[in-house]
C-alpha cells in the first residue's frame, strides 16, 4: 500500500448527466483513440490532483465537511463543447459567479486550514473532459470537427463537492460533502 495517494476535489453531476458525458468519452475512445478520460467519472475539477498520506484523510474530510456546510447549492449550466488545442476536448460549463466563488473559497479554505497550496498551474476554467492527454495531435482536428457540431445543453443543481482518490488505474469516489440546500 503506498504511503501517499493522489486525491482531487470535484463537482459530480447527477447520474444521468454522468452517463451522457461518459458516452461522449466512449465515443472519443472508440473513434479518436483517447481513452484516458474514461479513468474518472464525469466531473468538474475544483482542486486538481495532490498527494496526501492516508493518515491525513480525517483532517481533510473534517475541513471539507466544515466548508461544504457553509456553501449554498446553485444551478450550473453545461453548454456545448470547447477545447484546449491540440489535445483536450470538453463539455463546457457556462460562466457562473457562484461556481467561481465556490472554487476560490475552497482554495482559500484549504490553504488557510490545512496549508494546502493550490496545485493548478492554470486559471480555473470549469469543464468536463471528454478527450485529453492521450489524444494524438493528428486526431485533434477530426475529433474537434465532430464534437463542435454536437448540441449538448444541460442544467443541474450543484449540491455537493466530492473527494476522489486514485487507485493506481482509476479515480474512485471517496466521499461527497453536501452543500446547504
Foldseek 3Di string as FASTA:
>chain_A
DDQKWKKFKWFAFPPVVQVVLLVLLVCCCVPQVFNQLNQETWTWTLFDIDIDGPVCVVVVVVLQQVLQAVAAKDKWKWWFWDADPPFWIWTFTDDDPSSVVSSVSVQVSCCVRPVDHRPDPDDRGTTTTRGGDPRDSVRRVVSCVVRRPDGDMDMGIRFWMWMWIDPPRHIDTDDIHGHHD
